[in-house]
N, C-alpha and C. Protein backbone atom coordinates (compact mmCIF):
# COMPACT_ATOMS: atom_id res chain seq x y z
N MET A 1 -208.52 -136.89 164.96
CA MET A 1 -209.16 -136.99 163.70
C MET A 1 -209.27 -135.68 163.15
N ILE A 2 -210.20 -135.25 163.80
CA ILE A 2 -210.80 -133.89 163.44
C ILE A 2 -209.73 -132.74 163.41
N GLN A 3 -208.95 -132.84 164.43
CA GLN A 3 -207.69 -131.83 163.83
C GLN A 3 -206.79 -132.23 162.90
N ALA A 4 -206.82 -133.42 162.50
CA ALA A 4 -206.29 -133.50 161.01
C ALA A 4 -207.51 -132.74 159.57
N ILE A 5 -208.61 -133.57 160.26
CA ILE A 5 -208.97 -132.72 159.39
C ILE A 5 -209.44 -131.13 159.04
N ARG A 6 -208.90 -130.33 159.95
CA ARG A 6 -208.87 -128.75 160.20
C ARG A 6 -207.57 -128.73 160.38
N SER A 7 -206.28 -129.57 160.50
CA SER A 7 -205.09 -128.93 159.87
C SER A 7 -205.08 -129.17 157.84
N TRP A 8 -206.14 -130.04 157.65
CA TRP A 8 -205.91 -130.36 156.32
C TRP A 8 -206.30 -129.17 155.43
N ILE A 9 -207.93 -129.17 155.98
CA ILE A 9 -208.42 -127.56 155.41
C ILE A 9 -208.05 -126.38 155.63
N GLU A 10 -207.24 -126.17 156.84
CA GLU A 10 -206.25 -124.76 157.02
C GLU A 10 -205.12 -124.53 155.90
N THR A 11 -204.21 -126.08 155.58
CA THR A 11 -202.97 -125.89 154.60
C THR A 11 -203.16 -126.29 153.46
N ASP A 12 -203.84 -126.76 152.87
CA ASP A 12 -204.33 -127.66 151.74
C ASP A 12 -205.72 -126.77 150.63
N PRO A 13 -204.79 -125.92 149.52
CA PRO A 13 -205.90 -125.05 149.18
C PRO A 13 -206.93 -125.72 148.23
N ALA A 14 -207.20 -127.14 148.09
CA ALA A 14 -207.76 -127.60 147.54
C ALA A 14 -209.17 -127.50 148.20
N ALA A 15 -208.72 -127.50 149.40
CA ALA A 15 -210.33 -128.01 150.86
C ALA A 15 -210.66 -126.40 151.40
N ARG A 16 -210.05 -125.81 150.04
CA ARG A 16 -211.05 -124.48 150.28
C ARG A 16 -211.78 -124.12 149.28
N THR A 17 -212.36 -124.91 148.56
CA THR A 17 -213.15 -125.02 147.35
C THR A 17 -214.64 -125.85 147.66
N GLY A 18 -215.48 -125.33 146.67
CA GLY A 18 -216.78 -126.54 147.35
C GLY A 18 -217.06 -126.29 148.22
N TRP A 19 -218.39 -127.74 148.42
CA TRP A 19 -218.94 -127.33 149.82
C TRP A 19 -217.97 -127.67 151.20
N LEU A 20 -216.93 -128.02 150.54
CA LEU A 20 -216.35 -128.35 152.12
C LEU A 20 -215.35 -127.14 152.38
N GLY A 21 -214.77 -126.16 151.77
CA GLY A 21 -214.16 -125.17 151.57
C GLY A 21 -215.39 -124.12 151.77
N ALA A 22 -217.00 -124.17 151.89
CA ALA A 22 -217.92 -123.22 151.81
C ALA A 22 -217.99 -123.42 153.88
N LEU A 23 -218.22 -124.80 154.49
CA LEU A 23 -218.55 -124.79 155.42
C LEU A 23 -217.55 -124.02 156.13
N ARG A 24 -216.18 -122.97 155.94
CA ARG A 24 -215.31 -122.35 156.81
C ARG A 24 -216.62 -121.09 157.19
N ASP A 25 -217.35 -120.45 155.52
CA ASP A 25 -218.00 -119.67 155.73
C ASP A 25 -219.24 -119.65 156.52
N GLU A 26 -219.11 -118.92 157.98
CA GLU A 26 -220.23 -118.89 159.26
C GLU A 26 -221.83 -119.08 158.69
N GLN A 27 -221.69 -118.15 157.08
CA GLN A 27 -223.44 -118.35 156.90
C GLN A 27 -223.73 -119.48 155.84
N ILE A 28 -222.36 -119.32 154.71
CA ILE A 28 -223.07 -120.37 153.83
C ILE A 28 -222.94 -121.87 154.63
N GLY A 29 -221.78 -121.74 155.61
CA GLY A 29 -221.83 -123.32 156.42
C GLY A 29 -223.07 -123.55 157.19
N HIS A 30 -223.16 -122.53 157.90
CA HIS A 30 -224.99 -122.74 158.28
C HIS A 30 -225.97 -123.33 156.74
N ALA A 31 -226.18 -122.51 155.95
CA ALA A 31 -227.30 -123.43 154.97
C ALA A 31 -226.63 -124.67 154.85
N ILE A 32 -225.83 -125.22 154.25
CA ILE A 32 -225.13 -126.03 153.96
C ILE A 32 -225.67 -127.12 155.03
N SER A 33 -225.11 -126.74 156.48
CA SER A 33 -225.91 -127.50 157.45
C SER A 33 -227.59 -127.54 157.50
N LEU A 34 -228.08 -126.64 157.48
CA LEU A 34 -229.62 -126.76 156.90
C LEU A 34 -230.39 -128.06 155.91
N ILE A 35 -229.61 -127.86 154.41
CA ILE A 35 -229.94 -128.55 153.78
C ILE A 35 -229.36 -129.89 154.25
N HIS A 36 -228.42 -129.93 155.00
CA HIS A 36 -228.12 -131.52 155.09
C HIS A 36 -228.85 -132.19 155.97
N ARG A 37 -229.40 -131.25 157.43
CA ARG A 37 -229.93 -131.81 158.38
C ARG A 37 -231.69 -132.13 157.51
N ASP A 38 -232.45 -131.57 156.64
CA ASP A 38 -233.59 -131.22 156.40
C ASP A 38 -233.66 -131.63 154.90
N PRO A 39 -233.59 -132.15 154.30
CA PRO A 39 -233.30 -132.03 152.65
C PRO A 39 -234.53 -132.22 152.63
N ALA A 40 -235.93 -132.65 152.53
CA ALA A 40 -237.37 -132.65 152.34
C ALA A 40 -237.72 -131.57 152.21
N ARG A 41 -237.14 -130.66 153.00
CA ARG A 41 -237.95 -129.08 153.32
C ARG A 41 -238.32 -128.43 151.62
N ALA A 42 -239.03 -127.48 151.84
CA ALA A 42 -239.21 -127.57 150.94
C ALA A 42 -238.31 -126.19 150.43
N TRP A 43 -237.17 -126.45 149.76
CA TRP A 43 -236.12 -125.06 149.74
C TRP A 43 -236.21 -124.26 149.09
N THR A 44 -236.03 -123.08 148.78
CA THR A 44 -236.09 -121.78 148.24
C THR A 44 -235.04 -121.12 148.33
N VAL A 45 -234.37 -120.70 147.23
CA VAL A 45 -233.61 -119.24 147.52
C VAL A 45 -233.71 -118.36 148.91
N ALA A 46 -234.32 -118.10 148.57
CA ALA A 46 -235.45 -117.29 149.61
C ALA A 46 -235.64 -117.60 150.71
N SER A 47 -236.06 -118.88 151.31
CA SER A 47 -236.54 -119.55 152.40
C SER A 47 -234.54 -119.42 152.92
N LEU A 48 -233.77 -119.76 152.31
CA LEU A 48 -232.32 -120.02 152.77
C LEU A 48 -231.69 -118.92 153.16
N ALA A 49 -231.99 -117.73 152.31
CA ALA A 49 -231.75 -116.24 152.73
C ALA A 49 -232.25 -116.41 153.57
N GLY A 50 -233.58 -116.00 153.75
CA GLY A 50 -234.07 -115.79 155.11
C GLY A 50 -233.23 -116.77 156.56
N GLU A 51 -233.35 -117.45 155.99
CA GLU A 51 -232.27 -118.32 157.63
C GLU A 51 -231.43 -117.42 158.04
N LEU A 52 -230.82 -116.92 157.51
CA LEU A 52 -229.51 -116.68 157.63
C LEU A 52 -229.34 -114.89 157.11
N ALA A 53 -230.76 -114.56 157.38
CA ALA A 53 -230.73 -112.81 157.36
C ALA A 53 -229.69 -112.62 156.50
N MET A 54 -229.92 -113.02 155.23
CA MET A 54 -229.37 -112.23 154.54
C MET A 54 -230.18 -112.01 152.84
N SER A 55 -229.85 -110.78 151.88
CA SER A 55 -230.79 -110.44 150.93
C SER A 55 -230.82 -112.14 150.09
N ARG A 56 -232.06 -112.40 149.00
CA ARG A 56 -231.51 -113.30 148.36
C ARG A 56 -230.53 -113.18 147.29
N SER A 57 -230.89 -112.56 146.82
CA SER A 57 -229.41 -112.02 145.70
C SER A 57 -227.58 -112.13 146.30
N ALA A 58 -227.58 -111.57 147.38
CA ALA A 58 -225.98 -111.83 147.91
C ALA A 58 -225.84 -113.17 148.56
N PHE A 59 -226.89 -114.20 149.22
CA PHE A 59 -226.59 -115.38 149.63
C PHE A 59 -226.31 -115.81 148.23
N ALA A 60 -227.44 -115.80 146.94
CA ALA A 60 -227.00 -117.33 146.39
C ALA A 60 -225.62 -116.95 145.33
N ALA A 61 -225.68 -115.47 145.29
CA ALA A 61 -224.15 -115.23 144.50
C ALA A 61 -222.76 -115.64 145.45
N ARG A 62 -222.90 -115.47 146.80
CA ARG A 62 -222.05 -116.08 147.72
C ARG A 62 -222.01 -117.35 147.94
N PHE A 63 -223.02 -118.46 147.91
CA PHE A 63 -223.16 -119.48 147.84
C PHE A 63 -222.41 -120.55 146.68
N ALA A 64 -222.76 -119.90 145.55
CA ALA A 64 -222.60 -119.93 143.96
C ALA A 64 -220.66 -119.51 143.99
N GLU A 65 -220.22 -118.38 144.79
CA GLU A 65 -218.59 -118.63 144.74
C GLU A 65 -217.91 -119.35 144.98
N LEU A 66 -218.66 -119.44 146.63
CA LEU A 66 -217.97 -120.65 147.35
C LEU A 66 -218.26 -122.55 147.18
N VAL A 67 -219.65 -122.49 146.92
CA VAL A 67 -219.81 -123.93 146.45
C VAL A 67 -219.25 -124.16 145.05
N GLU A 68 -219.10 -123.44 144.39
CA GLU A 68 -219.08 -123.80 142.88
C GLU A 68 -220.22 -124.07 141.58
N GLU A 69 -221.35 -123.88 142.67
CA GLU A 69 -222.65 -124.15 142.09
C GLU A 69 -223.60 -123.24 142.74
N PRO A 70 -225.09 -123.14 141.54
CA PRO A 70 -226.11 -122.24 142.57
C PRO A 70 -227.02 -123.32 143.28
N VAL A 71 -226.98 -122.56 144.45
CA VAL A 71 -227.98 -122.92 145.31
C VAL A 71 -228.82 -124.57 145.68
N MET A 72 -229.87 -124.03 144.27
CA MET A 72 -231.02 -124.80 143.69
C MET A 72 -230.26 -126.21 143.48
N GLN A 73 -229.32 -126.33 142.71
CA GLN A 73 -229.01 -127.21 141.95
C GLN A 73 -227.65 -128.25 142.92
N TYR A 74 -227.69 -127.43 144.08
CA TYR A 74 -227.15 -127.84 145.23
C TYR A 74 -227.82 -128.84 146.15
N VAL A 75 -229.16 -128.20 146.33
CA VAL A 75 -230.06 -128.67 147.08
C VAL A 75 -230.64 -129.94 146.31
N THR A 76 -230.74 -129.83 145.10
CA THR A 76 -230.99 -131.17 144.63
C THR A 76 -230.02 -132.42 144.14
N ARG A 77 -228.93 -131.92 144.43
CA ARG A 77 -227.79 -132.70 143.90
C ARG A 77 -227.41 -133.56 145.26
N TRP A 78 -227.78 -133.33 146.53
CA TRP A 78 -227.44 -133.58 148.10
C TRP A 78 -228.97 -134.47 148.14
N ARG A 79 -230.11 -134.33 147.53
CA ARG A 79 -231.03 -134.96 147.66
C ARG A 79 -230.78 -136.42 146.89
N MET A 80 -230.63 -135.89 146.03
CA MET A 80 -229.70 -137.55 145.38
C MET A 80 -229.17 -138.20 145.48
N HIS A 81 -227.94 -137.35 146.57
CA HIS A 81 -226.63 -138.27 146.95
C HIS A 81 -227.54 -138.67 148.28
N VAL A 82 -228.57 -138.41 148.78
CA VAL A 82 -229.48 -139.37 149.86
C VAL A 82 -229.97 -140.62 149.34
N ALA A 83 -230.40 -139.75 148.10
CA ALA A 83 -231.33 -140.94 147.21
C ALA A 83 -230.81 -142.39 147.52
N LEU A 84 -229.18 -141.92 146.67
CA LEU A 84 -228.40 -142.83 145.73
C LEU A 84 -227.87 -144.10 147.26
N ASN A 85 -227.49 -143.08 148.06
CA ASN A 85 -227.31 -144.01 149.59
C ASN A 85 -228.39 -144.93 150.24
N ASP A 86 -229.38 -143.92 150.28
CA ASP A 86 -230.66 -145.01 150.97
C ASP A 86 -231.03 -146.47 149.76
N LEU A 87 -231.23 -146.11 148.39
CA LEU A 87 -231.29 -147.25 147.71
C LEU A 87 -230.14 -148.47 147.71
N GLN A 88 -228.98 -148.27 147.84
CA GLN A 88 -227.84 -148.82 148.29
C GLN A 88 -228.02 -149.68 149.59
N ALA A 89 -228.31 -148.81 150.54
CA ALA A 89 -228.39 -149.07 151.62
C ALA A 89 -229.35 -149.99 152.19
N GLU A 90 -230.27 -149.59 152.23
CA GLU A 90 -231.58 -149.88 152.66
C GLU A 90 -232.66 -150.57 151.80
N GLY A 91 -232.57 -150.61 150.38
CA GLY A 91 -233.69 -150.75 149.70
C GLY A 91 -234.34 -150.01 149.21
N ALA A 92 -234.49 -148.80 149.97
CA ALA A 92 -235.51 -148.07 149.85
C ALA A 92 -236.66 -148.28 148.97
N THR A 93 -237.81 -147.99 148.72
CA THR A 93 -238.31 -147.76 148.37
C THR A 93 -238.89 -146.66 146.86
N ILE A 94 -239.00 -146.09 145.72
CA ILE A 94 -239.00 -145.19 145.46
C ILE A 94 -239.95 -143.89 146.03
N ALA A 95 -241.26 -144.48 145.94
CA ALA A 95 -242.54 -144.27 146.58
C ALA A 95 -241.81 -143.39 148.40
N GLU A 96 -240.81 -144.55 148.83
CA GLU A 96 -240.59 -143.77 150.15
C GLU A 96 -239.32 -142.79 150.08
N LEU A 97 -238.65 -142.43 149.20
CA LEU A 97 -237.41 -141.75 148.91
C LEU A 97 -238.27 -140.06 148.59
N ALA A 98 -239.10 -140.78 147.96
CA ALA A 98 -239.72 -139.54 147.45
C ALA A 98 -240.42 -138.44 148.38
N GLY A 99 -241.48 -139.43 149.02
CA GLY A 99 -241.60 -138.78 150.37
C GLY A 99 -240.26 -138.03 151.31
N ARG A 100 -239.31 -138.66 151.86
CA ARG A 100 -238.53 -138.38 152.53
C ARG A 100 -237.80 -137.27 151.92
N LEU A 101 -237.78 -137.04 150.82
CA LEU A 101 -236.90 -136.20 149.99
C LEU A 101 -237.98 -134.98 149.30
N GLY A 102 -239.19 -134.71 149.73
CA GLY A 102 -239.66 -134.07 149.58
C GLY A 102 -240.36 -133.52 148.27
N TYR A 103 -240.41 -134.78 147.78
CA TYR A 103 -240.79 -135.19 146.21
C TYR A 103 -242.24 -135.02 146.78
N ARG A 104 -243.47 -134.09 145.38
CA ARG A 104 -244.79 -134.33 145.99
C ARG A 104 -245.14 -135.71 145.18
N SER A 105 -244.84 -136.64 144.36
CA SER A 105 -245.07 -137.63 143.67
C SER A 105 -243.40 -138.44 143.23
N GLU A 106 -243.94 -139.83 143.29
CA GLU A 106 -242.40 -140.36 142.80
C GLU A 106 -242.18 -140.01 141.21
N ALA A 107 -243.04 -139.85 140.89
CA ALA A 107 -242.76 -139.62 139.08
C ALA A 107 -241.73 -138.04 139.24
N ALA A 108 -242.18 -136.85 140.36
CA ALA A 108 -241.73 -135.98 140.16
C ALA A 108 -239.96 -136.93 140.68
N PHE A 109 -239.66 -137.10 141.54
CA PHE A 109 -239.02 -137.52 142.02
C PHE A 109 -237.73 -138.35 141.31
N ALA A 110 -238.56 -139.34 140.61
CA ALA A 110 -237.88 -139.85 139.40
C ALA A 110 -237.10 -139.39 138.00
N ILE A 111 -237.79 -137.73 137.41
CA ILE A 111 -237.50 -137.35 137.01
C ILE A 111 -236.37 -136.63 137.03
N ALA A 112 -236.71 -136.26 138.48
CA ALA A 112 -235.22 -135.37 139.16
C ALA A 112 -234.05 -136.35 139.24
N PHE A 113 -234.48 -137.62 139.70
CA PHE A 113 -233.23 -138.56 140.20
C PHE A 113 -232.47 -138.85 138.18
N LYS A 114 -233.14 -139.43 137.47
CA LYS A 114 -232.58 -139.34 136.35
C LYS A 114 -231.67 -137.89 135.98
N ARG A 115 -232.60 -136.86 135.98
CA ARG A 115 -232.20 -135.84 135.20
C ARG A 115 -230.32 -135.64 135.65
N VAL A 116 -230.62 -135.77 136.90
CA VAL A 116 -229.30 -135.77 138.14
C VAL A 116 -227.85 -137.10 137.48
N LEU A 117 -228.52 -137.90 137.64
CA LEU A 117 -227.87 -139.02 137.20
C LEU A 117 -227.51 -139.97 135.96
N GLY A 118 -228.35 -139.78 135.06
CA GLY A 118 -228.91 -140.50 134.13
C GLY A 118 -229.61 -141.40 134.22
N LEU A 119 -229.35 -142.05 135.09
CA LEU A 119 -230.78 -143.31 134.90
C LEU A 119 -231.65 -142.79 135.85
N PRO A 120 -232.49 -144.01 136.03
CA PRO A 120 -234.05 -143.73 136.65
C PRO A 120 -233.62 -144.11 137.85
N PRO A 121 -234.35 -144.33 139.09
CA PRO A 121 -233.87 -144.65 140.20
C PRO A 121 -234.12 -146.31 140.08
N GLY A 122 -234.92 -147.42 139.48
CA GLY A 122 -235.57 -148.04 139.60
C GLY A 122 -234.65 -148.93 138.84
N ALA A 123 -233.32 -148.50 137.65
CA ALA A 123 -232.56 -148.99 137.49
C ALA A 123 -231.46 -149.07 138.28
N VAL A 124 -230.97 -148.04 139.28
CA VAL A 124 -229.74 -147.75 139.82
C VAL A 124 -230.23 -149.43 141.09
N LYS A 125 -231.91 -149.24 141.67
CA LYS A 125 -231.85 -150.43 142.17
C LYS A 125 -231.57 -152.05 142.43
N ARG A 126 -231.75 -151.88 140.50
CA ARG A 126 -231.43 -152.88 140.08
C ARG A 126 -230.13 -152.94 140.03
N GLY A 127 -229.28 -152.17 139.65
CA GLY A 127 -228.08 -152.24 139.12
C GLY A 127 -226.78 -152.98 139.84
N SER A 128 -225.94 -152.87 139.42
CA SER A 128 -224.12 -153.52 140.00
C SER A 128 -224.04 -152.64 140.65
N PRO A 129 -223.36 -152.37 141.46
CA PRO A 129 -222.31 -152.47 142.55
C PRO A 129 -221.58 -151.18 141.81
N HIS A 130 -221.12 -151.31 140.84
CA HIS A 130 -219.98 -150.80 139.92
C HIS A 130 -220.93 -149.57 139.66
N ARG A 131 -221.74 -149.93 138.72
CA ARG A 131 -222.52 -148.90 138.30
C ARG A 131 -223.13 -147.98 139.30
N SER A 132 -223.57 -148.07 140.17
CA SER A 132 -223.63 -147.28 141.39
C SER A 132 -222.01 -146.61 142.04
N ASP A 133 -221.50 -146.88 141.94
CA ASP A 133 -219.82 -146.35 142.06
C ASP A 133 -220.05 -145.93 141.02
N ALA A 134 -220.18 -145.66 140.11
CA ALA A 134 -219.99 -144.39 139.12
C ALA A 134 -221.00 -143.64 139.16
N LEU A 135 -222.32 -143.56 139.44
CA LEU A 135 -223.11 -142.57 139.48
C LEU A 135 -222.59 -141.90 141.11
N ALA A 136 -222.71 -142.60 142.25
CA ALA A 136 -222.01 -142.01 143.03
C ALA A 136 -220.53 -140.85 142.93
N ALA A 137 -220.11 -141.41 141.88
CA ALA A 137 -218.94 -140.68 141.27
C ALA A 137 -219.61 -139.06 140.67
N ALA A 138 -220.80 -139.73 140.08
CA ALA A 138 -221.33 -138.39 139.32
C ALA A 138 -221.50 -137.24 140.17
N LEU A 139 -222.14 -137.62 141.36
CA LEU A 139 -222.77 -136.68 142.21
C LEU A 139 -221.69 -136.27 142.89
N GLU A 140 -220.55 -136.34 143.52
CA GLU A 140 -219.30 -135.53 143.82
C GLU A 140 -218.88 -134.48 142.43
N THR A 141 -219.30 -134.32 141.22
CA THR A 141 -218.66 -133.29 140.61
C THR A 141 -219.48 -132.01 140.48
């Protein structure tokens, strides 16, 4: 399976853009891995650049070029992806999600969730699977 994915990434131009394509870049791939492993960390452009021994401006420009979105927008979108998954799979509470994803309050988390997904987390938690599928699709863009 891994060989098939590697082959696809090497041969399909569409696989060379976005976060998947960015994984091929050693430094940006490492940044994405750090974000995915620890979404609750208080990431900043400076802290991620520091982890990679890059300047803030060079890191931000390279990340945006390869991933096709700014660093902090990606961090927030990843957190909301994790939140949506945890709401669906575990029925996690808003307070649990806020803490797990590095927000200082439920309100701050709920505001970010609604800004990214267009609905408050409580509505998603009570919503239909079709609505959640549409929200998950929104995270892909």
